[in-house]
Protein backbone atom coordinates (compact mmCIF):
# COMPACT_ATOMS: atom_id res chain seq x y z
CA UNK A 1 17.60 -6.01 -8.27
CA UNK A 2 20.52 -4.23 -6.84
CA UNK A 3 19.51 -0.61 -5.64
CA UNK A 4 22.02 1.84 -6.17
CA UNK A 5 22.12 5.49 -5.02
CA UNK A 6 22.21 6.48 -8.81
CA UNK A 7 18.84 4.72 -9.49
CA UNK A 8 17.37 5.57 -6.26
CA UNK A 9 18.51 9.41 -7.47
CA UNK A 10 16.03 8.86 -11.47
CA UNK A 11 13.78 7.50 -9.69
CA UNK A 12 13.14 10.27 -7.38
CA UNK A 13 13.48 13.04 -10.43
CA UNK A 14 11.28 10.43 -12.15
CA UNK A 15 8.54 10.90 -9.40
CA UNK A 16 9.53 14.78 -9.35
CA UNK A 17 8.46 15.19 -13.16
CA UNK A 18 5.23 13.00 -12.83
CA UNK A 19 4.09 15.27 -9.99
CA UNK A 20 5.13 18.69 -11.49
CA UNK A 21 3.49 17.60 -15.28
CA UNK A 22 0.26 17.06 -13.32
CA UNK A 23 0.35 19.64 -11.62
CA UNK A 24 1.49 21.99 -14.61
CA UNK A 25 -1.49 20.47 -16.40
CA UNK A 26 -3.91 21.16 -13.59
CA UNK A 27 -2.73 24.83 -12.98
CA UNK A 28 -0.33 24.86 -10.02
CA UNK A 29 -2.37 28.34 -8.54
CA UNK A 30 -5.78 27.05 -8.69
CA UNK A 31 -4.29 23.65 -6.69
CA UNK A 32 -2.82 25.91 -4.18
CA UNK A 33 -5.88 28.09 -3.89
CA UNK A 34 -8.30 24.78 -3.53
CA UNK A 35 -6.07 23.67 -0.92
CA UNK A 36 -6.80 26.97 1.02
CA UNK A 37 -10.02 26.16 1.06
CA UNK A 38 -9.82 22.95 2.52
CA UNK A 39 -11.30 21.96 6.04
CA UNK A 40 -8.32 22.07 8.62
CA UNK A 41 -10.40 19.89 10.79
CA UNK A 42 -11.56 17.41 8.98
CA UNK A 43 -7.32 17.32 7.25
CA UNK A 44 -6.77 16.74 11.17
CA UNK A 45 -9.22 14.01 11.02
CA UNK A 46 -7.77 12.12 8.40
CA UNK A 47 -4.78 12.21 9.85
CA UNK A 48 -6.50 10.42 13.08
CA UNK A 49 -8.12 7.94 10.77
CA UNK A 50 -4.99 6.94 8.86
CA UNK A 51 -3.35 6.05 12.14
CA UNK A 52 -6.02 3.72 13.13
CA UNK A 53 -4.91 1.70 10.25
CA UNK A 54 -1.52 0.64 11.67
CA UNK A 55 -2.56 -0.92 14.57
CA UNK A 56 -4.24 -3.11 12.17
CA UNK A 57 -1.71 -3.79 10.22
CA UNK A 58 0.41 -4.95 13.01
CA UNK A 59 -2.59 -7.71 14.18
CA UNK A 60 -2.45 -8.84 10.01
CA UNK A 61 1.30 -9.30 10.30
CA UNK A 62 0.96 -10.57 13.43
CA UNK A 63 -1.67 -13.29 12.52
CA UNK A 64 0.79 -13.80 9.72
CA UNK A 65 3.76 -14.52 11.59
CA UNK A 66 2.11 -16.74 13.97
CA UNK A 67 0.71 -19.52 10.88
CA UNK A 68 4.22 -19.81 10.04
CA UNK A 69 5.38 -20.84 13.67
CA UNK A 70 6.28 -17.14 15.54
CA UNK A 71 4.32 -15.19 17.90
CA UNK A 72 5.61 -11.93 18.81
CA UNK A 73 4.47 -8.59 19.95
CA UNK A 74 2.02 -6.35 18.84
CA UNK A 75 4.59 -2.65 19.13
CA UNK A 76 7.30 -4.37 18.10
CA UNK A 77 6.17 -4.97 14.65
CA UNK A 78 4.15 -2.35 14.61
CA UNK A 79 7.44 -0.15 15.00
CA UNK A 80 9.22 -2.93 12.27
CA UNK A 81 6.16 -2.04 9.80
CA UNK A 82 5.98 1.90 10.31
CA UNK A 83 10.18 1.31 9.49
CA UNK A 84 9.84 -0.69 6.22
CA UNK A 85 7.05 1.33 4.77
CA UNK A 86 9.11 4.58 5.62
CA UNK A 87 11.82 3.06 3.08
CA UNK A 88 9.11 2.48 0.73
CA UNK A 89 8.28 5.55 0.68
CA UNK A 90 11.90 7.40 -0.21
CA UNK A 91 12.80 4.02 -2.12
CA UNK A 92 11.31 2.41 -5.75
CA UNK A 93 10.92 -0.81 -6.10
CA UNK A 94 9.20 -1.61 -2.89
CA UNK A 95 13.16 -2.56 -1.39
CA UNK A 96 11.78 -1.61 2.03
CA UNK A 97 10.20 -4.77 2.62
CA UNK A 98 13.48 -6.52 2.15
CA UNK A 99 14.07 -4.02 5.48
CA UNK A 100 11.58 -5.57 7.33
CA UNK A 101 13.08 -9.17 6.94
CA UNK A 102 16.15 -7.81 7.60
CA UNK A 103 14.89 -6.05 10.55
CA UNK A 104 13.22 -9.10 11.72
CA UNK A 105 16.33 -10.95 11.27
CA UNK A 106 18.49 -8.91 13.41
CA UNK A 107 16.03 -8.32 16.43
CA UNK A 108 13.91 -11.28 16.50
CA UNK A 109 15.94 -13.74 15.24
CA UNK A 110 13.20 -14.98 12.43
CA UNK A 111 15.17 -16.70 9.48
CA UNK A 112 15.47 -14.47 5.96
CA UNK A 113 13.44 -16.36 3.97
CA UNK A 114 10.40 -16.92 6.67
CA UNK A 115 10.58 -12.85 7.18
CA UNK A 116 10.40 -12.66 3.01
CA UNK A 117 7.32 -15.29 2.38
CA UNK A 118 5.37 -13.48 5.26
CA UNK A 119 5.72 -10.13 3.17
CA UNK A 120 5.03 -12.28 0.17
CA UNK A 121 1.72 -13.28 2.20
CA UNK A 122 1.06 -9.45 3.41
CA UNK A 123 1.60 -8.54 -0.38
CA UNK A 124 -1.06 -11.01 -1.93
CA UNK A 125 -3.66 -10.39 0.29
CA UNK A 126 -2.75 -6.06 -0.34
CA UNK A 127 -4.14 -6.87 -3.82
CA UNK A 128 -6.71 -9.18 -2.80
CA UNK A 129 -8.25 -6.89 -0.84
CA UNK A 130 -7.83 -4.06 -3.23
CA UNK A 131 -9.38 -5.66 -5.99
CA UNK A 132 -12.29 -7.01 -3.51
CA UNK A 133 -13.13 -3.15 -3.04
CA UNK A 134 -12.25 -1.97 -6.34
CA UNK A 135 -15.14 -4.81 -7.63
CA UNK A 136 -17.20 -3.47 -4.81
CA UNK A 137 -16.78 -0.10 -5.86
CA UNK A 138 -17.31 -0.78 -9.88
CA UNK A 139 -20.63 -2.09 -8.37
CA UNK A 140 -21.74 0.74 -6.44
CA UNK A 141 -21.36 2.77 -9.83
CA UNK A 142 -22.80 0.64 -12.42
CA UNK A 143 -25.03 3.13 -13.38
CA UNK A 144 -22.45 5.58 -13.65
CA UNK A 145 -20.54 6.45 -17.06
CA UNK A 146 -16.91 4.50 -16.52
CA UNK A 147 -14.65 3.87 -19.13
CA UNK A 148 -14.28 -0.05 -19.74
CA UNK A 149 -10.78 0.29 -18.77
CA UNK A 150 -11.50 0.69 -15.23
CA UNK A 151 -13.21 -2.90 -15.28
CA UNK A 152 -10.54 -4.42 -17.20
CA UNK A 153 -7.58 -3.43 -14.59
CA UNK A 154 -9.95 -4.68 -12.17
CA UNK A 155 -10.83 -7.76 -13.47
CA UNK A 156 -7.13 -8.51 -14.88
CA UNK A 157 -6.03 -7.88 -10.76
CA UNK A 158 -8.91 -10.58 -9.94
CA UNK A 159 -7.71 -13.13 -12.44
CA UNK A 160 -4.10 -12.75 -11.10
CA UNK A 161 -4.95 -13.35 -7.95
CA UNK A 162 -7.11 -16.09 -8.85
CA UNK A 163 -4.86 -18.26 -10.42
CA UNK A 164 -2.36 -17.24 -7.46
CA UNK A 165 -4.19 -18.77 -5.19
CA UNK A 166 -4.99 -21.60 -7.86
CA UNK A 167 -1.33 -22.21 -7.68
CA UNK A 168 -0.47 -22.69 -4.31
CA UNK A 169 -3.39 -24.48 -3.18
CA UNK A 170 -1.67 -27.18 -6.07
CA UNK A 171 1.36 -26.42 -4.55
CA UNK A 172 0.25 -27.83 -0.93
CA UNK A 173 -1.87 -30.41 -2.61
CA UNK A 174 0.66 -32.16 -4.79
CA UNK A 175 3.09 -31.75 -2.18
CA UNK A 176 5.56 -29.85 -5.00
CA UNK A 177 9.19 -30.41 -4.04
CA UNK A 178 11.66 -27.67 -5.90
CA UNK A 179 14.20 -27.28 -3.51
CA UNK A 180 15.50 -26.79 -0.37
CA UNK A 181 15.38 -22.43 0.57
CA UNK A 182 12.79 -21.93 -2.38
CA UNK A 183 10.11 -25.44 -1.47
CA UNK A 184 9.76 -23.70 2.50
CA UNK A 185 9.34 -19.98 1.19
CA UNK A 186 6.74 -21.33 -0.80
CA UNK A 187 5.03 -23.60 1.54
CA UNK A 188 5.07 -20.69 4.29
CA UNK A 189 2.72 -18.57 1.66
CA UNK A 190 1.15 -21.29 0.89
CA UNK A 191 0.04 -22.59 4.35
CA UNK A 192 -1.27 -18.98 4.83
CA UNK A 193 -3.03 -18.39 1.87
CA UNK A 194 -5.18 -22.08 1.69
CA UNK A 195 -5.93 -22.46 5.06
CA UNK A 196 -9.41 -21.87 5.68
CA UNK A 197 -9.76 -19.86 9.23
CA UNK A 198 -5.63 -18.61 8.09
CA UNK A 199 -7.49 -17.09 5.32
CA UNK A 200 -10.55 -16.02 6.72
CA UNK A 201 -8.33 -14.08 9.47
CA UNK A 202 -5.52 -12.16 7.48
CA UNK A 203 -8.38 -11.16 4.43
CA UNK A 204 -10.79 -9.44 7.19
CA UNK A 205 -7.85 -7.60 8.76
CA UNK A 206 -6.73 -6.06 4.86
CA UNK A 207 -9.97 -5.20 4.04
CA UNK A 208 -9.80 -3.77 7.56
CA UNK A 209 -6.65 -1.84 6.77
CA UNK A 210 -7.48 -0.50 3.63
CA UNK A 211 -10.88 0.66 4.54
CA UNK A 212 -9.26 3.06 6.78
CA UNK A 213 -6.87 3.93 4.31
CA UNK A 214 -9.59 4.68 1.82
CA UNK A 215 -11.75 6.48 4.91
CA UNK A 216 -8.56 8.41 4.63
CA UNK A 217 -9.20 9.39 1.47
CA UNK A 218 -12.73 10.02 2.14
CA UNK A 219 -12.27 12.62 4.69
CA UNK A 220 -9.71 15.06 3.12
CA UNK A 221 -12.03 14.52 -0.51
CA UNK A 222 -14.79 15.73 1.89
CA UNK A 223 -12.99 18.46 3.14
CA UNK A 224 -13.52 20.21 -0.11
CA UNK A 225 -16.68 18.73 -1.30
CA UNK A 226 -18.27 19.49 2.07
CA UNK A 227 -21.19 16.74 1.51
CA UNK A 228 -20.98 13.12 1.82
CA UNK A 229 -22.71 10.79 -0.85
CA UNK A 230 -23.06 7.18 -1.70
CA UNK A 231 -21.50 7.87 -5.06
CA UNK A 232 -18.80 10.13 -3.63
CA UNK A 233 -17.67 7.07 -0.91
CA UNK A 234 -17.82 4.28 -4.26
CA UNK A 235 -15.39 6.86 -6.18
CA UNK A 236 -13.34 7.65 -3.55
CA UNK A 237 -12.98 3.57 -2.60
CA UNK A 238 -12.50 2.89 -6.73
CA UNK A 239 -9.58 5.79 -6.77
CA UNK A 240 -7.63 4.22 -4.16
CA UNK A 241 -7.91 1.17 -5.95
CA UNK A 242 -6.56 1.75 -9.18
CA UNK A 243 -4.20 3.85 -6.85
CA UNK A 244 -2.83 1.58 -5.34
CA UNK A 245 -3.05 -1.38 -8.26
CA UNK A 246 -0.08 1.18 -9.28
CA UNK A 247 2.08 0.01 -6.70
CA UNK A 248 2.35 -3.18 -7.90
CA UNK A 249 4.98 -1.59 -10.73
CA UNK A 250 6.84 0.49 -7.82
CA UNK A 251 8.65 2.56 -10.50
CA UNK A 252 8.85 5.21 -8.41
CA UNK A 253 9.29 5.66 -4.89
CA UNK A 254 6.46 5.17 -2.89
CA UNK A 255 4.95 5.37 -6.15
CA UNK A 256 4.88 9.12 -5.79
CA UNK A 257 3.51 10.33 -8.95
CA UNK A 258 1.64 7.27 -10.86
CA UNK A 259 -0.51 6.92 -7.61
CA UNK A 260 -1.34 10.55 -7.58
CA UNK A 261 -2.20 10.27 -11.37
CA UNK A 262 -4.13 7.48 -10.86
CA UNK A 263 -6.39 9.41 -7.93
CA UNK A 264 -7.14 12.35 -10.47
CA UNK A 265 -8.21 10.54 -13.27
CA UNK A 266 -10.63 8.17 -11.55
CA UNK A 267 -11.71 11.25 -9.66
CA UNK A 268 -11.82 13.32 -13.26
CA UNK A 269 -14.40 10.47 -14.62
CA UNK A 270 -16.82 10.83 -11.72
CA UNK A 271 -16.80 14.19 -12.14
CA UNK A 272 -14.98 15.83 -9.72
CA UNK A 273 -13.04 18.76 -10.62
CA UNK A 274 -9.50 18.18 -11.96
CA UNK A 275 -8.37 20.68 -9.60
CA UNK A 276 -10.10 19.72 -6.40
CA UNK A 277 -8.95 16.14 -7.27
CA UNK A 278 -5.55 17.36 -7.93
CA UNK A 279 -5.45 18.47 -4.42
CA UNK A 280 -7.51 15.88 -2.71
CA UNK A 281 -4.50 13.36 -4.29
CA UNK A 282 -1.52 15.28 -3.21
CA UNK A 283 -3.02 15.70 0.37
CA UNK A 284 -3.96 12.48 0.57
CA UNK A 285 -0.49 10.84 -0.35
CA UNK A 286 1.07 13.60 1.27
CA UNK A 287 -1.22 13.05 4.78
CA UNK A 288 0.06 9.37 4.68
CA UNK A 289 3.53 9.34 3.67
CA UNK A 290 4.16 12.09 6.75
CA UNK A 291 2.92 9.83 8.95
CA UNK A 292 4.74 6.95 7.84
CA UNK A 293 7.89 9.10 8.11
CA UNK A 294 7.79 10.76 10.80
CA UNK A 295 6.82 7.55 13.15
CA UNK A 296 9.01 5.38 10.71
CA UNK A 297 11.71 7.60 11.74
CA UNK A 298 11.18 7.43 15.76
CA UNK A 299 10.87 3.62 15.80
CA UNK A 300 14.07 3.56 14.00
CA UNK A 301 15.69 5.54 16.63
CA UNK A 302 14.31 3.13 19.19
CA UNK A 303 16.27 0.42 16.94
CA UNK A 304 19.83 2.06 17.44
CA UNK A 305 19.66 2.18 13.81
CA UNK A 306 20.32 5.46 10.87
CA UNK A 307 18.08 5.96 8.06
CA UNK A 308 22.08 5.26 6.09
CA UNK A 309 22.97 2.25 7.28
CA UNK A 310 19.24 0.83 6.64
CA UNK A 311 19.11 2.51 3.30
CA UNK A 312 22.51 0.75 2.45
CA UNK A 313 21.69 -2.82 3.31
CA UNK A 314 18.71 -2.04 1.48
CA UNK A 315 21.04 -1.48 -1.76
CA UNK A 316 23.15 -4.12 -1.09
CA UNK A 317 20.32 -6.73 -1.06
CA UNK A 318 19.77 -8.60 -4.67
């Protein structure tokens, strides 16, 4: 899909409208008052917790590339991930992923096809980890009154990811030949996804990445609730799992709007006041996006690039 300035503007307006509608329905004044009562110490702690996830993202991506025959230093990969994820914050359709492949080609001379296939592996394992965590949360909340659609979403995601791994396994076993670039692209994905040792390493690191992402949300939730409990932890697990599954269909930049809506909905179903749920969702996404954008901007300067140039390149990518 070609990303034009008009599409970026439309997607951004859509995100703002969703957030405005959410805040209007819950009550802007009530949300503002709730945010003022949050523990600043715990909000600051959530930033530190979220920062822990970034070296883990770099280690995971380093392992993925190593399975494809490219051994790169960890710091450079973390910088590339920060820049690409920053681009995802303000561009729709996760086009920031393309910028990472572009950076790897420009800086590390890694073929574009390998950059894209490595990103595909990362996304596949993201969904696998999120689905696993969601399933664990549903199990942990089995005594609670969960809507049927929640378990259906987790189950559908599980079936879909199982089908993907099944097709990749068949591709390797049958040595399918489709065509030069396409075959290489799929084979590189399959190699990482179907080799037992590589699978365990990438899956374990993916679980850790999302554990700290969820822990960030839980710390922010604790800044309001004040009391930690097993059900509250499971609720945070489920909310982040469902919230991030909305990113599979990124209709807004960074899934801003749908992500917050999903968190508020799950929190409300778990008995948390919608005002507190909305405040938590807004702060959670604000903390994560702010950290991403700050470090992404610093590292973009390190690479000697400007946002305008990176966005222009991404926007011209089909």
